[in-house]
Amino acid sequence: MNVSKEQEKFLRKLAHSLDPVAWVGQNGLTDSVMEEIEAALNHHELVKVKIRVGDRELRGQTITLLCEKSRAVLVQKIGNTVTLYRRNRKKTGIVLP
């Protein structure tokens, strides 16, 4: 799923006040972390995740893997925090412009 620049800007605006729902630590993307992120995406559609692993290159690889595994779109990356979006087909809470 891809979002346009306008939709991305809209999602960033919505995510501004959100707190992180999951933290990826030194153990990386464990099953329990992925379950938590999946549940949050199913319920909220738009979530923030803190990624506290190694250096910048490893963090980038972790973000790519996270997006692939969760089938989510990377909306924003600031420092150690990423914002992910995945539309819930059953219950749409966010209506994109």
PDB file of N, CA and C in Angstrom:
ATOM      1  N   MET A   1       0.838  -1.177   0.000  1.00  0.00           N
ATOM      2  CA  MET A   1       0.000   0.000   0.000  1.00  0.00           C
ATOM      3  C   MET A   1       0.886   1.245   0.000  1.00  0.00           C
ATOM      4  N   ASN A   2       0.572   2.173  -0.843  1.00  0.00           N
ATOM      5  CA  ASN A   2       1.318   3.424  -0.905  1.00  0.00           C
ATOM      6  C   ASN A   2       0.405   4.577  -0.533  1.00  0.00           C
ATOM      7  N   VAL A   3       0.989   5.599   0.026  1.00  0.00           N
ATOM      8  CA  VAL A   3       0.236   6.811   0.331  1.00  0.00           C
ATOM      9  C   VAL A   3       0.888   7.975  -0.408  1.00  0.00           C
ATOM     10  N   SER A   4       0.072   8.928  -0.805  1.00  0.00           N
ATOM     11  CA  SER A   4       0.593  10.097  -1.511  1.00  0.00           C
ATOM     12  C   SER A   4       1.262  11.040  -0.514  1.00  0.00           C
ATOM     13  N   LYS A   5       1.947  12.037  -1.033  1.00  0.00           N
ATOM     14  CA  LYS A   5       2.607  13.025  -0.169  1.00  0.00           C
ATOM     15  C   LYS A   5       1.574  13.776   0.674  1.00  0.00           C
ATOM     16  N   GLU A   6       0.429  14.076   0.086  1.00  0.00           N
ATOM     17  CA  GLU A   6      -0.637  14.771   0.817  1.00  0.00           C
ATOM     18  C   GLU A   6      -1.165  13.899   1.958  1.00  0.00           C
ATOM     19  N   GLN A   7      -1.376  12.617   1.682  1.00  0.00           N
ATOM     20  CA  GLN A   7      -1.848  11.695   2.709  1.00  0.00           C
ATOM     21  C   GLN A   7      -0.797  11.508   3.790  1.00  0.00           C
ATOM     22  N   GLU A   8       0.472  11.444   3.396  1.00  0.00           N
ATOM     23  CA  GLU A   8       1.565  11.300   4.353  1.00  0.00           C
ATOM     24  C   GLU A   8       1.616  12.506   5.296  1.00  0.00           C
ATOM     25  N   LYS A   9       1.448  13.678   4.749  1.00  0.00           N
ATOM     26  CA  LYS A   9       1.434  14.900   5.555  1.00  0.00           C
ATOM     27  C   LYS A   9       0.262  14.872   6.536  1.00  0.00           C
ATOM     28  N   PHE A  10      -0.901  14.427   6.076  1.00  0.00           N
ATOM     29  CA  PHE A  10      -2.085  14.308   6.923  1.00  0.00           C
ATOM     30  C   PHE A  10      -1.836  13.318   8.061  1.00  0.00           C
ATOM     31  N   LEU A  11      -1.216  12.180   7.750  1.00  0.00           N
ATOM     32  CA  LEU A  11      -0.932  11.166   8.770  1.00  0.00           C
ATOM     33  C   LEU A  11       0.099  11.664   9.779  1.00  0.00           C
ATOM     34  N   ARG A  12       1.104  12.394   9.327  1.00  0.00           N
ATOM     35  CA  ARG A  12       2.095  12.967  10.245  1.00  0.00           C
ATOM     36  C   ARG A  12       1.426  13.924  11.224  1.00  0.00           C
ATOM     37  N   LYS A  13       0.477  14.706  10.714  1.00  0.00           N
ATOM     38  CA  LYS A  13      -0.258  15.640  11.565  1.00  0.00           C
ATOM     39  C   LYS A  13      -1.058  14.883  12.626  1.00  0.00           C
ATOM     40  N   LEU A  14      -1.708  13.798  12.234  1.00  0.00           N
ATOM     41  CA  LEU A  14      -2.477  12.996  13.185  1.00  0.00           C
ATOM     42  C   LEU A  14      -1.576  12.329  14.221  1.00  0.00           C
ATOM     43  N   ALA A  15      -0.390  11.932  13.802  1.00  0.00           N
ATOM     44  CA  ALA A  15       0.517  11.183  14.679  1.00  0.00           C
ATOM     45  C   ALA A  15       1.271  12.068  15.657  1.00  0.00           C
ATOM     46  N   HIS A  16       1.226  13.365  15.453  1.00  0.00           N
ATOM     47  CA  HIS A  16       2.023  14.278  16.277  1.00  0.00           C
ATOM     48  C   HIS A  16       1.804  14.070  17.775  1.00  0.00           C
ATOM     49  N   SER A  17       0.578  13.880  18.184  1.00  0.00           N
ATOM     50  CA  SER A  17       0.274  13.770  19.614  1.00  0.00           C
ATOM     51  C   SER A  17       0.321  12.335  20.142  1.00  0.00           C
ATOM     52  N   LEU A  18       0.622  11.371  19.293  1.00  0.00           N
ATOM     53  CA  LEU A  18       0.648   9.970  19.725  1.00  0.00           C
ATOM     54  C   LEU A  18       1.899   9.653  20.531  1.00  0.00           C
ATOM     55  N   ASP A  19       1.750   8.722  21.461  1.00  0.00           N
ATOM     56  CA  ASP A  19       2.882   8.179  22.201  1.00  0.00           C
ATOM     57  C   ASP A  19       3.253   6.830  21.590  1.00  0.00           C
ATOM     58  N   PRO A  20       4.509   6.405  21.717  1.00  0.00           N
ATOM     59  CA  PRO A  20       4.901   5.089  21.194  1.00  0.00           C
ATOM     60  C   PRO A  20       4.120   3.962  21.873  1.00  0.00           C
ATOM     61  N   VAL A  21       3.707   2.982  21.076  1.00  0.00           N
ATOM     62  CA  VAL A  21       2.959   1.849  21.612  1.00  0.00           C
ATOM     63  C   VAL A  21       3.844   0.629  21.812  1.00  0.00           C
ATOM     64  N   ALA A  22       5.034   0.633  21.207  1.00  0.00           N
ATOM     65  CA  ALA A  22       5.942  -0.509  21.341  1.00  0.00           C
ATOM     66  C   ALA A  22       7.380  -0.017  21.259  1.00  0.00           C
ATOM     67  N   TRP A  23       8.260  -0.791  21.852  1.00  0.00           N
ATOM     68  CA  TRP A  23       9.683  -0.480  21.845  1.00  0.00           C
ATOM     69  C   TRP A  23      10.442  -1.689  21.330  1.00  0.00           C
ATOM     70  N   VAL A  24      11.290  -1.468  20.345  1.00  0.00           N
ATOM     71  CA  VAL A  24      12.165  -2.514  19.825  1.00  0.00           C
ATOM     72  C   VAL A  24      13.517  -2.285  20.478  1.00  0.00           C
ATOM     73  N   GLY A  25      13.944  -3.247  21.292  1.00  0.00           N
ATOM     74  CA  GLY A  25      15.191  -3.104  22.031  1.00  0.00           C
ATOM     75  C   GLY A  25      16.339  -3.839  21.387  1.00  0.00           C
ATOM     76  N   GLN A  26      17.343  -4.134  22.193  1.00  0.00           N
ATOM     77  CA  GLN A  26      18.560  -4.762  21.684  1.00  0.00           C
ATOM     78  C   GLN A  26      18.327  -6.161  21.135  1.00  0.00           C
ATOM     79  N   ASN A  27      17.220  -6.811  21.520  1.00  0.00           N
ATOM     80  CA  ASN A  27      16.918  -8.143  20.993  1.00  0.00           C
ATOM     81  C   ASN A  27      16.276  -8.091  19.612  1.00  0.00           C
ATOM     82  N   GLY A  28      15.981  -6.908  19.125  1.00  0.00           N
ATOM     83  CA  GLY A  28      15.418  -6.762  17.788  1.00  0.00           C
ATOM     84  C   GLY A  28      13.929  -7.040  17.743  1.00  0.00           C
ATOM     85  N   LEU A  29      13.469  -7.446  16.573  1.00  0.00           N
ATOM     86  CA  LEU A  29      12.047  -7.694  16.361  1.00  0.00           C
ATOM     87  C   LEU A  29      11.674  -9.094  16.832  1.00  0.00           C
ATOM     88  N   THR A  30      11.405  -9.229  18.104  1.00  0.00           N
ATOM     89  CA  THR A  30      10.998 -10.519  18.656  1.00  0.00           C
ATOM     90  C   THR A  30       9.531 -10.770  18.319  1.00  0.00           C
ATOM     91  N   ASP A  31       9.089 -12.000  18.525  1.00  0.00           N
ATOM     92  CA  ASP A  31       7.695 -12.351  18.258  1.00  0.00           C
ATOM     93  C   ASP A  31       6.740 -11.526  19.106  1.00  0.00           C
ATOM     94  N   SER A  32       7.087 -11.317  20.364  1.00  0.00           N
ATOM     95  CA  SER A  32       6.195 -10.563  21.248  1.00  0.00           C
ATOM     96  C   SER A  32       6.089  -9.099  20.819  1.00  0.00           C
ATOM     97  N   VAL A  33       7.182  -8.516  20.359  1.00  0.00           N
ATOM     98  CA  VAL A  33       7.145  -7.132  19.870  1.00  0.00           C
ATOM     99  C   VAL A  33       6.284  -7.053  18.612  1.00  0.00           C
ATOM    100  N   MET A  34       6.440  -8.005  17.705  1.00  0.00           N
ATOM    101  CA  MET A  34       5.639  -8.009  16.482  1.00  0.00           C
ATOM    102  C   MET A  34       4.155  -8.196  16.787  1.00  0.00           C
ATOM    103  N   GLU A  35       3.834  -9.047  17.765  1.00  0.00           N
ATOM    104  CA  GLU A  35       2.436  -9.238  18.150  1.00  0.00           C
ATOM    105  C   GLU A  35       1.843  -7.942  18.681  1.00  0.00           C
ATOM    106  N   GLU A  36       2.605  -7.224  19.486  1.00  0.00           N
ATOM    107  CA  GLU A  36       2.146  -5.955  20.045  1.00  0.00           C
ATOM    108  C   GLU A  36       1.922  -4.919  18.942  1.00  0.00           C
ATOM    109  N   ILE A  37       2.837  -4.848  17.996  1.00  0.00           N
ATOM    110  CA  ILE A  37       2.706  -3.895  16.892  1.00  0.00           C
ATOM    111  C   ILE A  37       1.523  -4.273  16.001  1.00  0.00           C
ATOM    112  N   GLU A  38       1.358  -5.564  15.722  1.00  0.00           N
ATOM    113  CA  GLU A  38       0.223  -6.027  14.918  1.00  0.00           C
ATOM    114  C   GLU A  38      -1.100  -5.661  15.580  1.00  0.00           C
ATOM    115  N   ALA A  39      -1.202  -5.909  16.886  1.00  0.00           N
ATOM    116  CA  ALA A  39      -2.434  -5.590  17.614  1.00  0.00           C
ATOM    117  C   ALA A  39      -2.711  -4.089  17.575  1.00  0.00           C
ATOM    118  N   ALA A  40      -1.672  -3.292  17.760  1.00  0.00           N
ATOM    119  CA  ALA A  40      -1.839  -1.837  17.746  1.00  0.00           C
ATOM    120  C   ALA A  40      -2.258  -1.345  16.358  1.00  0.00           C
ATOM    121  N   LEU A  41      -1.653  -1.881  15.309  1.00  0.00           N
ATOM    122  CA  LEU A  41      -2.027  -1.483  13.951  1.00  0.00           C
ATOM    123  C   LEU A  41      -3.460  -1.891  13.625  1.00  0.00           C
ATOM    124  N   ASN A  42      -3.866  -3.075  14.067  1.00  0.00           N
ATOM    125  CA  ASN A  42      -5.237  -3.525  13.832  1.00  0.00           C
ATOM    126  C   ASN A  42      -6.240  -2.627  14.536  1.00  0.00           C
ATOM    127  N   HIS A  43      -5.890  -2.168  15.710  1.00  0.00           N
ATOM    128  CA  HIS A  43      -6.817  -1.369  16.504  1.00  0.00           C
ATOM    129  C   HIS A  43      -6.775   0.111  16.136  1.00  0.00           C
ATOM    130  N   HIS A  44      -5.579   0.673  15.955  1.00  0.00           N
ATOM    131  CA  HIS A  44      -5.432   2.120  15.778  1.00  0.00           C
ATOM    132  C   HIS A  44      -5.120   2.565  14.351  1.00  0.00           C
ATOM    133  N   GLU A  45      -4.580   1.704  13.539  1.00  0.00           N
ATOM    134  CA  GLU A  45      -4.145   1.995  12.164  1.00  0.00           C
ATOM    135  C   GLU A  45      -2.873   2.836  12.089  1.00  0.00           C
ATOM    136  N   LEU A  46      -2.695   3.792  12.979  1.00  0.00           N
ATOM    137  CA  LEU A  46      -1.538   4.686  12.969  1.00  0.00           C
ATOM    138  C   LEU A  46      -0.846   4.578  14.319  1.00  0.00           C
ATOM    139  N   VAL A  47       0.420   4.146  14.321  1.00  0.00           N
ATOM    140  CA  VAL A  47       1.138   3.931  15.583  1.00  0.00           C
ATOM    141  C   VAL A  47       2.563   4.457  15.498  1.00  0.00           C
ATOM    142  N   LYS A  48       3.102   4.760  16.671  1.00  0.00           N
ATOM    143  CA  LYS A  48       4.514   5.121  16.785  1.00  0.00           C
ATOM    144  C   LYS A  48       5.240   3.986  17.478  1.00  0.00           C
ATOM    145  N   VAL A  49       6.470   3.732  17.045  1.00  0.00           N
ATOM    146  CA  VAL A  49       7.298   2.675  17.617  1.00  0.00           C
ATOM    147  C   VAL A  49       8.688   3.254  17.869  1.00  0.00           C
ATOM    148  N   LYS A  50       9.230   3.009  19.067  1.00  0.00           N
ATOM    149  CA  LYS A  50      10.604   3.410  19.392  1.00  0.00           C
ATOM    150  C   LYS A  50      11.527   2.269  19.008  1.00  0.00           C
ATOM    151  N   ILE A  51      12.602   2.587  18.319  1.00  0.00           N
ATOM    152  CA  ILE A  51      13.565   1.568  17.907  1.00  0.00           C
ATOM    153  C   ILE A  51      14.914   1.929  18.495  1.00  0.00           C
ATOM    154  N   ARG A  52      15.357   1.123  19.448  1.00  0.00           N
ATOM    155  CA  ARG A  52      16.603   1.386  20.171  1.00  0.00           C
ATOM    156  C   ARG A  52      17.596   0.257  19.926  1.00  0.00           C
ATOM    157  N   VAL A  53      18.025   0.124  18.681  1.00  0.00           N
ATOM    158  CA  VAL A  53      18.999  -0.913  18.335  1.00  0.00           C
ATOM    159  C   VAL A  53      20.215  -0.283  17.685  1.00  0.00           C
ATOM    160  N   GLY A  54      21.371  -0.740  18.075  1.00  0.00           N
ATOM    161  CA  GLY A  54      22.651  -0.411  17.454  1.00  0.00           C
ATOM    162  C   GLY A  54      22.803   0.939  16.796  1.00  0.00           C
ATOM    163  N   ASP A  55      23.501   0.928  15.681  1.00  0.00           N
ATOM    164  CA  ASP A  55      23.816   2.164  14.969  1.00  0.00           C
ATOM    165  C   ASP A  55      22.737   2.494  13.932  1.00  0.00           C
ATOM    166  N   ARG A  56      22.973   3.544  13.184  1.00  0.00           N
ATOM    167  CA  ARG A  56      21.997   4.044  12.213  1.00  0.00           C
ATOM    168  C   ARG A  56      21.693   3.013  11.128  1.00  0.00           C
ATOM    169  N   GLU A  57      22.721   2.308  10.652  1.00  0.00           N
ATOM    170  CA  GLU A  57      22.527   1.317   9.591  1.00  0.00           C
ATOM    171  C   GLU A  57      21.647   0.163  10.070  1.00  0.00           C
ATOM    172  N   LEU A  58      21.927  -0.351  11.261  1.00  0.00           N
ATOM    173  CA  LEU A  58      21.132  -1.445  11.822  1.00  0.00           C
ATOM    174  C   LEU A  58      19.697  -0.987  12.083  1.00  0.00           C
ATOM    175  N   ARG A  59      19.531   0.242  12.535  1.00  0.00           N
ATOM    176  CA  ARG A  59      18.195   0.790  12.777  1.00  0.00           C
ATOM    177  C   ARG A  59      17.415   0.852  11.466  1.00  0.00           C
ATOM    178  N   GLY A  60      18.070   1.266  10.392  1.00  0.00           N
ATOM    179  CA  GLY A  60      17.423   1.322   9.079  1.00  0.00           C
ATOM    180  C   GLY A  60      16.979  -0.047   8.596  1.00  0.00           C
ATOM    181  N   GLN A  61      17.830  -1.051   8.809  1.00  0.00           N
ATOM    182  CA  GLN A  61      17.476  -2.419   8.430  1.00  0.00           C
ATOM    183  C   GLN A  61      16.297  -2.920   9.258  1.00  0.00           C
ATOM    184  N   THR A  62      16.293  -2.580  10.543  1.00  0.00           N
ATOM    185  CA  THR A  62      15.204  -2.998  11.429  1.00  0.00           C
ATOM    186  C   THR A  62      13.892  -2.354  11.001  1.00  0.00           C
ATOM    187  N   ILE A  63      13.934  -1.084  10.624  1.00  0.00           N
ATOM    188  CA  ILE A  63      12.728  -0.382  10.175  1.00  0.00           C
ATOM    189  C   ILE A  63      12.186  -1.018   8.897  1.00  0.00           C
ATOM    190  N   THR A  64      13.069  -1.330   7.958  1.00  0.00           N
ATOM    191  CA  THR A  64      12.654  -1.971   6.708  1.00  0.00           C
ATOM    192  C   THR A  64      12.012  -3.323   6.983  1.00  0.00           C
ATOM    193  N   LEU A  65      12.636  -4.107   7.847  1.00  0.00           N
ATOM    194  CA  LEU A  65      12.093  -5.416   8.203  1.00  0.00           C
ATOM    195  C   LEU A  65      10.746  -5.282   8.908  1.00  0.00           C
ATOM    196  N   LEU A  66      10.630  -4.310   9.786  1.00  0.00           N
ATOM    197  CA  LEU A  66       9.379  -4.069  10.508  1.00  0.00           C
ATOM    198  C   LEU A  66       8.254  -3.732   9.532  1.00  0.00           C
ATOM    199  N   CYS A  67       8.516  -2.883   8.571  1.00  0.00           N
ATOM    200  CA  CYS A  67       7.503  -2.512   7.581  1.00  0.00           C
ATOM    201  C   CYS A  67       7.096  -3.710   6.722  1.00  0.00           C
ATOM    202  N   GLU A  68       8.065  -4.532   6.349  1.00  0.00           N
ATOM    203  CA  GLU A  68       7.765  -5.715   5.544  1.00  0.00           C
ATOM    204  C   GLU A  68       6.931  -6.717   6.325  1.00  0.00           C
ATOM    205  N   LYS A  69       7.341  -7.006   7.563  1.00  0.00           N
ATOM    206  CA  LYS A  69       6.630  -7.997   8.373  1.00  0.00           C
ATOM    207  C   LYS A  69       5.218  -7.550   8.729  1.00  0.00           C
ATOM    208  N   SER A  70       5.046  -6.266   9.002  1.00  0.00           N
ATOM    209  CA  SER A  70       3.741  -5.774   9.438  1.00  0.00           C
ATOM    210  C   SER A  70       2.876  -5.299   8.271  1.00  0.00           C
ATOM    211  N   ARG A  71       3.436  -5.277   7.051  1.00  0.00           N
ATOM    212  CA  ARG A  71       2.733  -4.785   5.868  1.00  0.00           C
ATOM    213  C   ARG A  71       2.220  -3.362   6.098  1.00  0.00           C
ATOM    214  N   ALA A  72       3.045  -2.555   6.749  1.00  0.00           N
ATOM    215  CA  ALA A  72       2.684  -1.174   7.057  1.00  0.00           C
ATOM    216  C   ALA A  72       3.534  -0.211   6.238  1.00  0.00           C
ATOM    217  N   VAL A  73       3.057   1.007   6.142  1.00  0.00           N
ATOM    218  CA  VAL A  73       3.759   2.069   5.418  1.00  0.00           C
ATOM    219  C   VAL A  73       4.496   2.929   6.431  1.00  0.00           C
ATOM    220  N   LEU A  74       5.746   3.216   6.144  1.00  0.00           N
ATOM    221  CA  LEU A  74       6.519   4.122   6.984  1.00  0.00           C
ATOM    222  C   LEU A  74       6.076   5.543   6.664  1.00  0.00           C
ATOM    223  N   VAL A  75       5.484   6.209   7.655  1.00  0.00           N
ATOM    224  CA  VAL A  75       4.991   7.567   7.474  1.00  0.00           C
ATOM    225  C   VAL A  75       6.074   8.575   7.812  1.00  0.00           C
ATOM    226  N   GLN A  76       6.793   8.306   8.912  1.00  0.00           N
ATOM    227  CA  GLN A  76       7.784   9.267   9.375  1.00  0.00           C
ATOM    228  C   GLN A  76       8.835   8.560  10.215  1.00  0.00           C
ATOM    229  N   LYS A  77      10.066   9.076  10.122  1.00  0.00           N
ATOM    230  CA  LYS A  77      11.159   8.573  10.949  1.00  0.00           C
ATOM    231  C   LYS A  77      11.893   9.779  11.508  1.00  0.00           C
ATOM    232  N   ILE A  78      11.861   9.905  12.839  1.00  0.00           N
ATOM    233  CA  ILE A  78      12.584  10.983  13.510  1.00  0.00           C
ATOM    234  C   ILE A  78      13.416  10.343  14.610  1.00  0.00           C
ATOM    235  N   GLY A  79      14.725  10.381  14.461  1.00  0.00           N
ATOM    236  CA  GLY A  79      15.607   9.790  15.464  1.00  0.00           C
ATOM    237  C   GLY A  79      15.326   8.315  15.648  1.00  0.00           C
ATOM    238  N   ASN A  80      14.960   7.930  16.869  1.00  0.00           N
ATOM    239  CA  ASN A  80      14.673   6.530  17.189  1.00  0.00           C
ATOM    240  C   ASN A  80      13.193   6.191  17.084  1.00  0.00           C
ATOM    241  N   THR A  81      12.372   7.122  16.645  1.00  0.00           N
ATOM    242  CA  THR A  81      10.929   6.916  16.605  1.00  0.00           C
ATOM    243  C   THR A  81      10.434   6.860  15.164  1.00  0.00           C
ATOM    244  N   VAL A  82       9.630   5.833  14.868  1.00  0.00           N
ATOM    245  CA  VAL A  82       9.017   5.720  13.548  1.00  0.00           C
ATOM    246  C   VAL A  82       7.503   5.710  13.700  1.00  0.00           C
ATOM    247  N   THR A  83       6.840   6.227  12.691  1.00  0.00           N
ATOM    248  CA  THR A  83       5.386   6.216  12.642  1.00  0.00           C
ATOM    249  C   THR A  83       4.976   5.307  11.498  1.00  0.00           C
ATOM    250  N   LEU A  84       4.081   4.357  11.799  1.00  0.00           N
ATOM    251  CA  LEU A  84       3.627   3.380  10.815  1.00  0.00           C
ATOM    252  C   LEU A  84       2.124   3.507  10.604  1.00  0.00           C
ATOM    253  N   TYR A  85       1.688   3.231   9.381  1.00  0.00           N
ATOM    254  CA  TYR A  85       0.260   3.251   9.063  1.00  0.00           C
ATOM    255  C   TYR A  85      -0.090   2.000   8.269  1.00  0.00           C
ATOM    256  N   ARG A  86      -1.196   1.370   8.677  1.00  0.00           N
ATOM    257  CA  ARG A  86      -1.751   0.255   7.904  1.00  0.00           C
ATOM    258  C   ARG A  86      -3.265   0.340   8.000  1.00  0.00           C
ATOM    259  N   ARG A  87      -3.906   0.439   6.860  1.00  0.00           N
ATOM    260  CA  ARG A  87      -5.361   0.571   6.836  1.00  0.00           C
ATOM    261  C   ARG A  87      -6.018  -0.712   7.321  1.00  0.00           C
ATOM    262  N   ASN A  88      -7.022  -0.563   8.167  1.00  0.00           N
ATOM    263  CA  ASN A  88      -7.807  -1.692   8.644  1.00  0.00           C
ATOM    264  C   ASN A  88      -9.020  -1.806   7.734  1.00  0.00           C
ATOM    265  N   ARG A  89      -9.098  -2.873   6.972  1.00  0.00           N
ATOM    266  CA  ARG A  89     -10.174  -3.026   5.995  1.00  0.00           C
ATOM    267  C   ARG A  89     -11.533  -3.252   6.652  1.00  0.00           C
ATOM    268  N   LYS A  90     -11.553  -3.830   7.836  1.00  0.00           N
ATOM    269  CA  LYS A  90     -12.818  -4.120   8.517  1.00  0.00           C
ATOM    270  C   LYS A  90     -13.388  -2.899   9.219  1.00  0.00           C
ATOM    271  N   LYS A  91     -12.509  -2.115   9.826  1.00  0.00           N
ATOM    272  CA  LYS A  91     -12.958  -0.968  10.620  1.00  0.00           C
ATOM    273  C   LYS A  91     -12.057   0.218  10.297  1.00  0.00           C
ATOM    274  N   THR A  92     -12.515   1.071   9.409  1.00  0.00           N
ATOM    275  CA  THR A  92     -11.700   2.210   9.014  1.00  0.00           C
ATOM    276  C   THR A  92     -11.946   3.365   9.967  1.00  0.00           C
ATOM    277  N   GLY A  93     -10.918   3.726  10.711  1.00  0.00           N
ATOM    278  CA  GLY A  93     -11.025   4.834  11.641  1.00  0.00           C
ATOM    279  C   GLY A  93     -10.464   6.106  11.053  1.00  0.00           C
ATOM    280  N   ILE A  94      -9.470   5.986  10.184  1.00  0.00           N
ATOM    281  CA  ILE A  94      -8.822   7.146   9.579  1.00  0.00           C
ATOM    282  C   ILE A  94      -9.246   7.222   8.115  1.00  0.00           C
ATOM    283  N   VAL A  95      -9.832   8.346   7.749  1.00  0.00           N
ATOM    284  CA  VAL A  95     -10.224   8.570   6.359  1.00  0.00           C
ATOM    285  C   VAL A  95      -9.178   9.478   5.733  1.00  0.00           C
ATOM    286  N   LEU A  96      -8.445   8.933   4.781  1.00  0.00           N
ATOM    287  CA  LEU A  96      -7.378   9.693   4.125  1.00  0.00           C
ATOM    288  C   LEU A  96      -7.958  10.671   3.112  1.00  0.00           C
ATOM    289  N   PRO A  97      -7.335  11.845   2.983  1.00  0.00           N
ATOM    290  CA  PRO A  97      -7.813  12.831   2.001  1.00  0.00           C
ATOM    291  C   PRO A  97      -7.557  12.366   0.572  1.00  0.00           C
TER     292      PRO A  97
END
